[in-house]
PDB file of N, CA and C in Angstrom:
ATOM      1  N   UNK A   1      17.045 -43.395 -21.136  1.00  0.00           N
ATOM      2  CA  UNK A   1      15.788 -44.113 -21.281  1.00  0.00           C
ATOM      3  C   UNK A   1      14.806 -43.583 -20.237  1.00  0.00           C
ATOM      4  N   UNK A   2      13.606 -43.296 -20.673  1.00  0.00           N
ATOM      5  CA  UNK A   2      12.563 -42.844 -19.770  1.00  0.00           C
ATOM      6  C   UNK A   2      11.948 -44.034 -19.052  1.00  0.00           C
ATOM      7  N   UNK A   3      11.713 -43.868 -17.783  1.00  0.00           N
ATOM      8  CA  UNK A   3      11.118 -44.914 -16.978  1.00  0.00           C
ATOM      9  C   UNK A   3       9.834 -44.383 -16.370  1.00  0.00           C
ATOM     10  N   UNK A   4       8.844 -45.248 -16.286  1.00  0.00           N
ATOM     11  CA  UNK A   4       7.542 -44.865 -15.750  1.00  0.00           C
ATOM     12  C   UNK A   4       7.205 -45.711 -14.532  1.00  0.00           C
ATOM     13  N   UNK A   5       6.448 -45.108 -13.642  1.00  0.00           N
ATOM     14  CA  UNK A   5       5.939 -45.839 -12.485  1.00  0.00           C
ATOM     15  C   UNK A   5       4.423 -45.677 -12.451  1.00  0.00           C
ATOM     16  N   UNK A   6       3.713 -46.678 -11.981  1.00  0.00           N
ATOM     17  CA  UNK A   6       2.258 -46.638 -11.928  1.00  0.00           C
ATOM     18  C   UNK A   6       1.814 -46.002 -10.612  1.00  0.00           C
ATOM     19  N   UNK A   7       0.954 -44.986 -10.696  1.00  0.00           N
ATOM     20  CA  UNK A   7       0.442 -44.321  -9.495  1.00  0.00           C
ATOM     21  C   UNK A   7      -0.415 -45.269  -8.660  1.00  0.00           C
ATOM     22  N   UNK A   8      -1.065 -46.219  -9.294  1.00  0.00           N
ATOM     23  CA  UNK A   8      -1.980 -47.121  -8.595  1.00  0.00           C
ATOM     24  C   UNK A   8      -1.273 -48.255  -7.863  1.00  0.00           C
ATOM     25  N   UNK A   9      -0.393 -48.973  -8.575  1.00  0.00           N
ATOM     26  CA  UNK A   9       0.199 -50.182  -7.981  1.00  0.00           C
ATOM     27  C   UNK A   9       1.689 -50.074  -7.698  1.00  0.00           C
ATOM     28  N   UNK A  10       2.359 -49.038  -8.216  1.00  0.00           N
ATOM     29  CA  UNK A  10       3.780 -48.850  -7.943  1.00  0.00           C
ATOM     30  C   UNK A  10       4.729 -49.617  -8.858  1.00  0.00           C
ATOM     31  N   UNK A  11       4.212 -50.362  -9.838  1.00  0.00           N
ATOM     32  CA  UNK A  11       5.080 -51.110 -10.752  1.00  0.00           C
ATOM     33  C   UNK A  11       5.897 -50.147 -11.602  1.00  0.00           C
ATOM     34  N   UNK A  12       7.064 -50.609 -12.051  1.00  0.00           N
ATOM     35  CA  UNK A  12       7.970 -49.798 -12.861  1.00  0.00           C
ATOM     36  C   UNK A  12       8.115 -50.435 -14.231  1.00  0.00           C
ATOM     37  N   UNK A  13       8.106 -49.592 -15.283  1.00  0.00           N
ATOM     38  CA  UNK A  13       8.244 -50.096 -16.644  1.00  0.00           C
ATOM     39  C   UNK A  13       8.930 -49.048 -17.511  1.00  0.00           C
ATOM     40  N   UNK A  14       9.615 -49.505 -18.549  1.00  0.00           N
ATOM     41  CA  UNK A  14      10.233 -48.573 -19.495  1.00  0.00           C
ATOM     42  C   UNK A  14       9.226 -48.119 -20.546  1.00  0.00           C
ATOM     43  N   UNK A  15       8.048 -48.740 -20.573  1.00  0.00           N
ATOM     44  CA  UNK A  15       6.995 -48.372 -21.516  1.00  0.00           C
ATOM     45  C   UNK A  15       5.737 -47.998 -20.736  1.00  0.00           C
ATOM     46  N   UNK A  16       5.295 -46.745 -20.888  1.00  0.00           N
ATOM     47  CA  UNK A  16       4.133 -46.255 -20.151  1.00  0.00           C
ATOM     48  C   UNK A  16       2.852 -46.989 -20.475  1.00  0.00           C
ATOM     49  N   UNK A  17       2.726 -47.557 -21.676  1.00  0.00           N
ATOM     50  CA  UNK A  17       1.518 -48.253 -22.089  1.00  0.00           C
ATOM     51  C   UNK A  17       1.280 -49.559 -21.346  1.00  0.00           C
ATOM     52  N   UNK A  18       2.288 -50.034 -20.614  1.00  0.00           N
ATOM     53  CA  UNK A  18       2.158 -51.290 -19.882  1.00  0.00           C
ATOM     54  C   UNK A  18       1.669 -51.086 -18.446  1.00  0.00           C
ATOM     55  N   UNK A  19       1.355 -49.830 -18.090  1.00  0.00           N
ATOM     56  CA  UNK A  19       0.907 -49.508 -16.735  1.00  0.00           C
ATOM     57  C   UNK A  19      -0.495 -48.905 -16.779  1.00  0.00           C
ATOM     58  N   UNK A  20      -1.251 -49.097 -15.690  1.00  0.00           N
ATOM     59  CA  UNK A  20      -2.629 -48.598 -15.671  1.00  0.00           C
ATOM     60  C   UNK A  20      -2.694 -47.080 -15.494  1.00  0.00           C
ATOM     61  N   UNK A  21      -1.765 -46.477 -14.764  1.00  0.00           N
ATOM     62  CA  UNK A  21      -1.751 -45.029 -14.553  1.00  0.00           C
ATOM     63  C   UNK A  21      -0.297 -44.548 -14.539  1.00  0.00           C
ATOM     64  N   UNK A  22       0.365 -44.502 -15.742  1.00  0.00           N
ATOM     65  CA  UNK A  22       1.791 -44.198 -15.811  1.00  0.00           C
ATOM     66  C   UNK A  22       2.140 -42.751 -15.467  1.00  0.00           C
ATOM     67  N   UNK A  23       3.265 -42.590 -14.774  1.00  0.00           N
ATOM     68  CA  UNK A  23       3.824 -41.287 -14.439  1.00  0.00           C
ATOM     69  C   UNK A  23       5.324 -41.377 -14.666  1.00  0.00           C
ATOM     70  N   UNK A  24       5.913 -40.289 -15.142  1.00  0.00           N
ATOM     71  CA  UNK A  24       7.358 -40.279 -15.367  1.00  0.00           C
ATOM     72  C   UNK A  24       8.057 -40.476 -14.025  1.00  0.00           C
ATOM     73  N   UNK A  25       8.887 -41.506 -13.913  1.00  0.00           N
ATOM     74  CA  UNK A  25       9.546 -41.854 -12.652  1.00  0.00           C
ATOM     75  C   UNK A  25      10.825 -41.060 -12.426  1.00  0.00           C
ATOM     76  N   UNK A  26      11.368 -40.457 -13.469  1.00  0.00           N
ATOM     77  CA  UNK A  26      12.639 -39.772 -13.321  1.00  0.00           C
ATOM     78  C   UNK A  26      13.771 -40.783 -13.251  1.00  0.00           C
ATOM     79  N   UNK A  27      14.864 -40.412 -12.603  1.00  0.00           N
ATOM     80  CA  UNK A  27      16.029 -41.296 -12.496  1.00  0.00           C
ATOM     81  C   UNK A  27      15.782 -42.375 -11.453  1.00  0.00           C
ATOM     82  N   UNK A  28      16.138 -43.594 -11.804  1.00  0.00           N
ATOM     83  CA  UNK A  28      16.006 -44.721 -10.876  1.00  0.00           C
ATOM     84  C   UNK A  28      17.377 -45.286 -10.556  1.00  0.00           C
ATOM     85  N   UNK A  29      17.527 -45.789  -9.362  1.00  0.00           N
ATOM     86  CA  UNK A  29      18.768 -46.405  -8.911  1.00  0.00           C
ATOM     87  C   UNK A  29      18.522 -47.879  -8.636  1.00  0.00           C
ATOM     88  N   UNK A  30      19.515 -48.677  -8.867  1.00  0.00           N
ATOM     89  CA  UNK A  30      19.417 -50.111  -8.610  1.00  0.00           C
ATOM     90  C   UNK A  30      20.195 -50.430  -7.332  1.00  0.00           C
ATOM     91  N   UNK A  31      19.531 -51.065  -6.386  1.00  0.00           N
ATOM     92  CA  UNK A  31      20.143 -51.411  -5.105  1.00  0.00           C
ATOM     93  C   UNK A  31      21.191 -52.504  -5.303  1.00  0.00           C
ATOM     94  N   UNK A  32      22.370 -52.304  -4.750  1.00  0.00           N
ATOM     95  CA  UNK A  32      23.441 -53.283  -4.862  1.00  0.00           C
ATOM     96  C   UNK A  32      23.207 -54.529  -4.019  1.00  0.00           C
ATOM     97  N   UNK A  33      22.349 -54.435  -3.009  1.00  0.00           N
ATOM     98  CA  UNK A  33      22.096 -55.576  -2.131  1.00  0.00           C
ATOM     99  C   UNK A  33      20.955 -56.462  -2.603  1.00  0.00           C
ATOM    100  N   UNK A  34      19.822 -55.829  -2.977  1.00  0.00           N
ATOM    101  CA  UNK A  34      18.642 -56.630  -3.329  1.00  0.00           C
ATOM    102  C   UNK A  34      18.268 -56.547  -4.808  1.00  0.00           C
ATOM    103  N   UNK A  35      18.851 -55.603  -5.559  1.00  0.00           N
ATOM    104  CA  UNK A  35      18.573 -55.475  -6.983  1.00  0.00           C
ATOM    105  C   UNK A  35      17.317 -54.691  -7.316  1.00  0.00           C
ATOM    106  N   UNK A  36      16.557 -54.276  -6.314  1.00  0.00           N
ATOM    107  CA  UNK A  36      15.315 -53.528  -6.536  1.00  0.00           C
ATOM    108  C   UNK A  36      15.636 -52.139  -7.065  1.00  0.00           C
ATOM    109  N   UNK A  37      14.779 -51.636  -7.963  1.00  0.00           N
ATOM    110  CA  UNK A  37      14.930 -50.282  -8.459  1.00  0.00           C
ATOM    111  C   UNK A  37      14.188 -49.343  -7.524  1.00  0.00           C
ATOM    112  N   UNK A  38      14.830 -48.217  -7.202  1.00  0.00           N
ATOM    113  CA  UNK A  38      14.244 -47.263  -6.272  1.00  0.00           C
ATOM    114  C   UNK A  38      14.488 -45.842  -6.764  1.00  0.00           C
ATOM    115  N   UNK A  39      13.623 -44.924  -6.390  1.00  0.00           N
ATOM    116  CA  UNK A  39      13.777 -43.525  -6.777  1.00  0.00           C
ATOM    117  C   UNK A  39      14.887 -42.844  -5.994  1.00  0.00           C
ATOM    118  N   UNK A  40      15.116 -43.283  -4.770  1.00  0.00           N
ATOM    119  CA  UNK A  40      16.132 -42.664  -3.925  1.00  0.00           C
ATOM    120  C   UNK A  40      17.431 -43.450  -3.992  1.00  0.00           C
ATOM    121  N   UNK A  41      18.552 -42.732  -4.102  1.00  0.00           N
ATOM    122  CA  UNK A  41      19.856 -43.387  -4.157  1.00  0.00           C
ATOM    123  C   UNK A  41      20.163 -44.086  -2.834  1.00  0.00           C
ATOM    124  N   UNK A  42      19.632 -43.568  -1.721  1.00  0.00           N
ATOM    125  CA  UNK A  42      19.877 -44.146  -0.403  1.00  0.00           C
ATOM    126  C   UNK A  42      18.780 -45.126  -0.017  1.00  0.00           C
ATOM    127  N   UNK A  43      18.375 -45.967  -0.945  1.00  0.00           N
ATOM    128  CA  UNK A  43      17.379 -47.004  -0.708  1.00  0.00           C
ATOM    129  C   UNK A  43      17.881 -47.944   0.381  1.00  0.00           C
ATOM    130  N   UNK A  44      17.015 -48.278   1.328  1.00  0.00           N
ATOM    131  CA  UNK A  44      17.372 -49.236   2.373  1.00  0.00           C
ATOM    132  C   UNK A  44      16.533 -50.488   2.207  1.00  0.00           C
ATOM    133  N   UNK A  45      17.184 -51.621   2.231  1.00  0.00           N
ATOM    134  CA  UNK A  45      16.486 -52.890   2.125  1.00  0.00           C
ATOM    135  C   UNK A  45      16.889 -53.771   3.306  1.00  0.00           C
ATOM    136  N   UNK A  46      16.165 -54.839   3.513  1.00  0.00           N
ATOM    137  CA  UNK A  46      16.425 -55.713   4.667  1.00  0.00           C
ATOM    138  C   UNK A  46      17.856 -56.245   4.702  1.00  0.00           C
ATOM    139  N   UNK A  47      18.428 -56.702   3.561  1.00  0.00           N
ATOM    140  CA  UNK A  47      19.809 -57.198   3.622  1.00  0.00           C
ATOM    141  C   UNK A  47      20.793 -56.106   4.065  1.00  0.00           C
ATOM    142  N   UNK A  48      20.568 -54.871   3.646  1.00  0.00           N
ATOM    143  CA  UNK A  48      21.461 -53.774   4.004  1.00  0.00           C
ATOM    144  C   UNK A  48      21.293 -53.379   5.468  1.00  0.00           C
ATOM    145  N   UNK A  49      20.060 -53.266   5.929  1.00  0.00           N
ATOM    146  CA  UNK A  49      19.792 -52.892   7.320  1.00  0.00           C
ATOM    147  C   UNK A  49      20.351 -53.947   8.275  1.00  0.00           C
ATOM    148  N   UNK A  50      20.309 -55.198   7.884  1.00  0.00           N
ATOM    149  CA  UNK A  50      20.830 -56.278   8.738  1.00  0.00           C
ATOM    150  C   UNK A  50      22.338 -56.153   8.974  1.00  0.00           C
ATOM    151  N   UNK A  51      23.039 -55.435   8.093  1.00  0.00           N
ATOM    152  CA  UNK A  51      24.486 -55.261   8.218  1.00  0.00           C
ATOM    153  C   UNK A  51      24.864 -54.102   9.142  1.00  0.00           C
ATOM    154  N   UNK A  52      23.906 -53.253   9.517  1.00  0.00           N
ATOM    155  CA  UNK A  52      24.208 -52.086  10.339  1.00  0.00           C
ATOM    156  C   UNK A  52      24.876 -52.493  11.648  1.00  0.00           C
ATOM    157  N   UNK A  53      25.961 -51.825  11.976  1.00  0.00           N
ATOM    158  CA  UNK A  53      26.662 -52.051  13.231  1.00  0.00           C
ATOM    159  C   UNK A  53      26.621 -50.826  14.128  1.00  0.00           C
ATOM    160  N   UNK A  54      26.268 -49.652  13.547  1.00  0.00           N
ATOM    161  CA  UNK A  54      26.248 -48.401  14.294  1.00  0.00           C
ATOM    162  C   UNK A  54      24.985 -47.605  13.976  1.00  0.00           C
ATOM    163  N   UNK A  55      24.623 -46.711  14.890  1.00  0.00           N
ATOM    164  CA  UNK A  55      23.559 -45.752  14.633  1.00  0.00           C
ATOM    165  C   UNK A  55      24.020 -44.394  15.142  1.00  0.00           C
ATOM    166  N   UNK A  56      23.450 -43.322  14.611  1.00  0.00           N
ATOM    167  CA  UNK A  56      23.799 -41.971  15.023  1.00  0.00           C
ATOM    168  C   UNK A  56      23.009 -41.614  16.276  1.00  0.00           C
ATOM    169  N   UNK A  57      23.713 -41.204  17.320  1.00  0.00           N
ATOM    170  CA  UNK A  57      23.059 -40.804  18.560  1.00  0.00           C
ATOM    171  C   UNK A  57      22.250 -39.528  18.409  1.00  0.00           C
ATOM    172  N   UNK A  58      22.523 -38.757  17.345  1.00  0.00           N
ATOM    173  CA  UNK A  58      21.802 -37.504  17.118  1.00  0.00           C
ATOM    174  C   UNK A  58      20.520 -37.668  16.315  1.00  0.00           C
ATOM    175  N   UNK A  59      20.615 -38.346  15.175  1.00  0.00           N
ATOM    176  CA  UNK A  59      19.450 -38.440  14.277  1.00  0.00           C
ATOM    177  C   UNK A  59      18.874 -39.849  14.162  1.00  0.00           C
ATOM    178  N   UNK A  60      19.615 -40.866  14.617  1.00  0.00           N
ATOM    179  CA  UNK A  60      19.115 -42.241  14.563  1.00  0.00           C
ATOM    180  C   UNK A  60      19.440 -42.996  13.292  1.00  0.00           C
ATOM    181  N   UNK A  61      20.118 -42.361  12.347  1.00  0.00           N
ATOM    182  CA  UNK A  61      20.478 -43.017  11.087  1.00  0.00           C
ATOM    183  C   UNK A  61      21.413 -44.190  11.353  1.00  0.00           C
ATOM    184  N   UNK A  62      21.240 -45.288  10.625  1.00  0.00           N
ATOM    185  CA  UNK A  62      22.078 -46.460  10.785  1.00  0.00           C
ATOM    186  C   UNK A  62      23.173 -46.516   9.738  1.00  0.00           C
ATOM    187  N   UNK A  63      24.234 -47.252  10.031  1.00  0.00           N
ATOM    188  CA  UNK A  63      25.337 -47.388   9.086  1.00  0.00           C
ATOM    189  C   UNK A  63      26.176 -48.621   9.398  1.00  0.00           C
ATOM    190  N   UNK A  64      26.853 -49.104   8.368  1.00  0.00           N
ATOM    191  CA  UNK A  64      27.793 -50.200   8.519  1.00  0.00           C
ATOM    192  C   UNK A  64      29.124 -49.635   9.031  1.00  0.00           C
ATOM    193  N   UNK A  65      29.434 -48.402   8.623  1.00  0.00           N
ATOM    194  CA  UNK A  65      30.706 -47.768   8.969  1.00  0.00           C
ATOM    195  C   UNK A  65      30.510 -46.707  10.051  1.00  0.00           C
ATOM    196  N   UNK A  66      31.383 -46.715  11.017  1.00  0.00           N
ATOM    197  CA  UNK A  66      31.346 -45.758  12.118  1.00  0.00           C
ATOM    198  C   UNK A  66      31.593 -44.330  11.634  1.00  0.00           C
ATOM    199  N   UNK A  67      32.503 -44.181  10.648  1.00  0.00           N
ATOM    200  CA  UNK A  67      32.861 -42.837  10.175  1.00  0.00           C
ATOM    201  C   UNK A  67      31.812 -42.200   9.260  1.00  0.00           C
ATOM    202  N   UNK A  68      30.726 -42.902   8.974  1.00  0.00           N
ATOM    203  CA  UNK A  68      29.653 -42.331   8.137  1.00  0.00           C
ATOM    204  C   UNK A  68      28.615 -41.596   8.990  1.00  0.00           C
ATOM    205  N   UNK A  69      28.804 -41.554  10.299  1.00  0.00           N
ATOM    206  CA  UNK A  69      27.848 -40.932  11.211  1.00  0.00           C
ATOM    207  C   UNK A  69      28.518 -39.831  12.010  1.00  0.00           C
ATOM    208  N   UNK A  70      27.713 -38.815  12.411  1.00  0.00           N
ATOM    209  CA  UNK A  70      28.286 -37.709  13.172  1.00  0.00           C
ATOM    210  C   UNK A  70      28.441 -38.048  14.656  1.00  0.00           C
ATOM    211  N   UNK A  71      27.568 -38.900  15.200  1.00  0.00           N
ATOM    212  CA  UNK A  71      27.645 -39.312  16.606  1.00  0.00           C
ATOM    213  C   UNK A  71      27.449 -40.820  16.676  1.00  0.00           C
ATOM    214  N   UNK A  72      28.452 -41.613  16.209  1.00  0.00           N
ATOM    215  CA  UNK A  72      28.298 -43.068  16.129  1.00  0.00           C
ATOM    216  C   UNK A  72      28.156 -43.739  17.489  1.00  0.00           C
ATOM    217  N   UNK A  73      27.182 -44.629  17.568  1.00  0.00           N
ATOM    218  CA  UNK A  73      26.935 -45.440  18.754  1.00  0.00           C
ATOM    219  C   UNK A  73      26.829 -46.887  18.294  1.00  0.00           C
ATOM    220  N   UNK A  74      27.399 -47.828  19.027  1.00  0.00           N
ATOM    221  CA  UNK A  74      27.294 -49.242  18.613  1.00  0.00           C
ATOM    222  C   UNK A  74      25.870 -49.766  18.779  1.00  0.00           C
ATOM    223  N   UNK A  75      25.458 -50.627  17.869  1.00  0.00           N
ATOM    224  CA  UNK A  75      24.159 -51.296  18.001  1.00  0.00           C
ATOM    225  C   UNK A  75      24.266 -52.283  19.149  1.00  0.00           C
ATOM    226  N   UNK A  76      23.212 -52.414  19.914  1.00  0.00           N
ATOM    227  CA  UNK A  76      23.241 -53.335  21.063  1.00  0.00           C
ATOM    228  C   UNK A  76      22.409 -54.546  20.781  1.00  0.00           C
TER     229      UNK A  76
END
């Protein structure tokens, strides 16, 4: 199914005629935490960020799991 996003307001629809300035959105992912549709598979939302227990000392990326980071540091 083709999905469209509006360049003006950011709304998402499966029918381009329902948007003021439709653009092909490509593949969309549904967030397991908040249910929001996002273009990026690694969508971060407030419920997910609140679960972070570690961050990478090298790049600053956050994670729930220590083994998902190259230089894990505990959140303080």
